[in-house]
Protein backbone atom coordinates (compact mmCIF):
# COMPACT_ATOMS: atom_id res chain seq x y z
CA MET A 1 -28.72 -87.82 -81.54
CA PRO A 2 -25.55 -86.70 -83.34
CA THR A 3 -25.40 -88.54 -86.67
CA GLU A 4 -22.10 -87.23 -88.05
CA MET A 5 -20.25 -90.17 -86.51
CA LEU A 6 -22.58 -92.67 -88.23
CA LYS A 7 -21.86 -91.40 -91.75
CA GLU A 8 -18.56 -93.32 -91.83
CA PHE A 9 -20.53 -96.57 -91.32
CA ILE A 10 -22.82 -96.22 -94.36
CA GLY A 11 -22.87 -99.59 -96.14
CA THR A 12 -22.00 -101.48 -92.95
CA GLN A 13 -24.00 -104.25 -91.25
CA CYS A 14 -25.36 -103.18 -87.85
CA THR A 15 -27.84 -103.94 -85.09
CA ILE A 16 -29.84 -100.99 -83.75
CA SER A 17 -31.55 -101.31 -80.37
CA LEU A 18 -34.60 -99.08 -79.91
CA PHE A 19 -36.14 -97.88 -76.66
CA ASN A 20 -39.55 -99.37 -77.50
CA ASP A 21 -38.43 -102.60 -79.23
CA ILE A 22 -37.01 -105.78 -77.72
CA GLY A 23 -35.51 -107.37 -80.86
CA GLY A 24 -34.01 -104.31 -82.50
CA VAL A 25 -33.24 -103.71 -86.17
CA GLN A 26 -30.58 -105.70 -88.04
CA GLY A 27 -29.45 -104.52 -91.45
CA VAL A 28 -27.18 -102.30 -93.51
CA ILE A 29 -27.02 -98.54 -92.95
CA LEU A 30 -27.98 -96.88 -96.24
CA ALA A 31 -28.13 -93.20 -95.29
CA VAL A 32 -27.90 -90.80 -92.36
CA GLU A 33 -29.63 -87.41 -92.60
CA GLU A 34 -30.29 -85.00 -89.78
CA ASN A 35 -31.99 -87.10 -87.08
CA TRP A 36 -32.94 -90.06 -89.31
CA ILE A 37 -31.18 -93.31 -90.23
CA LYS A 38 -32.18 -95.41 -93.25
CA VAL A 39 -31.53 -99.15 -92.74
CA GLU A 40 -32.10 -102.01 -95.21
CA GLU A 41 -33.30 -105.20 -93.54
CA LYS A 42 -33.80 -108.52 -95.36
CA LYS A 43 -37.16 -107.68 -96.93
CA ARG A 44 -37.74 -104.01 -96.17
CA ILE A 45 -36.19 -100.60 -95.66
CA ARG A 46 -36.76 -98.80 -92.36
CA ILE A 47 -36.38 -95.10 -91.59
CA ILE A 48 -35.54 -94.74 -87.89
CA ASN A 49 -35.82 -91.61 -85.77
CA GLY A 50 -32.52 -91.03 -83.97
CA ASP A 51 -34.35 -90.08 -80.75
CA MET A 52 -35.67 -93.65 -80.48
CA ILE A 53 -32.23 -95.31 -80.66
CA ARG A 54 -30.72 -96.74 -77.49
CA ASP A 55 -27.64 -98.45 -78.95
CA ILE A 56 -25.99 -99.23 -82.30
CA ALA A 57 -23.65 -102.22 -82.70
CA ILE A 58 -21.53 -102.25 -85.87
CA VAL A 59 -20.40 -105.61 -87.27
CA LYS A 60 -16.67 -105.59 -88.14
């Protein structure tokens, strides 16, 4: 997954849909490095492999 495009959305609220997850991940994008995205949810921080992402919706 190309992550260069996501770097402009660091600090933005988003919803990430994963291939193996029904609910997805909702939180703020903290960092994007190589094929990994760091997202802060309400009570935890998740590191997500870009190969597992189906869709990312950015909140405006």
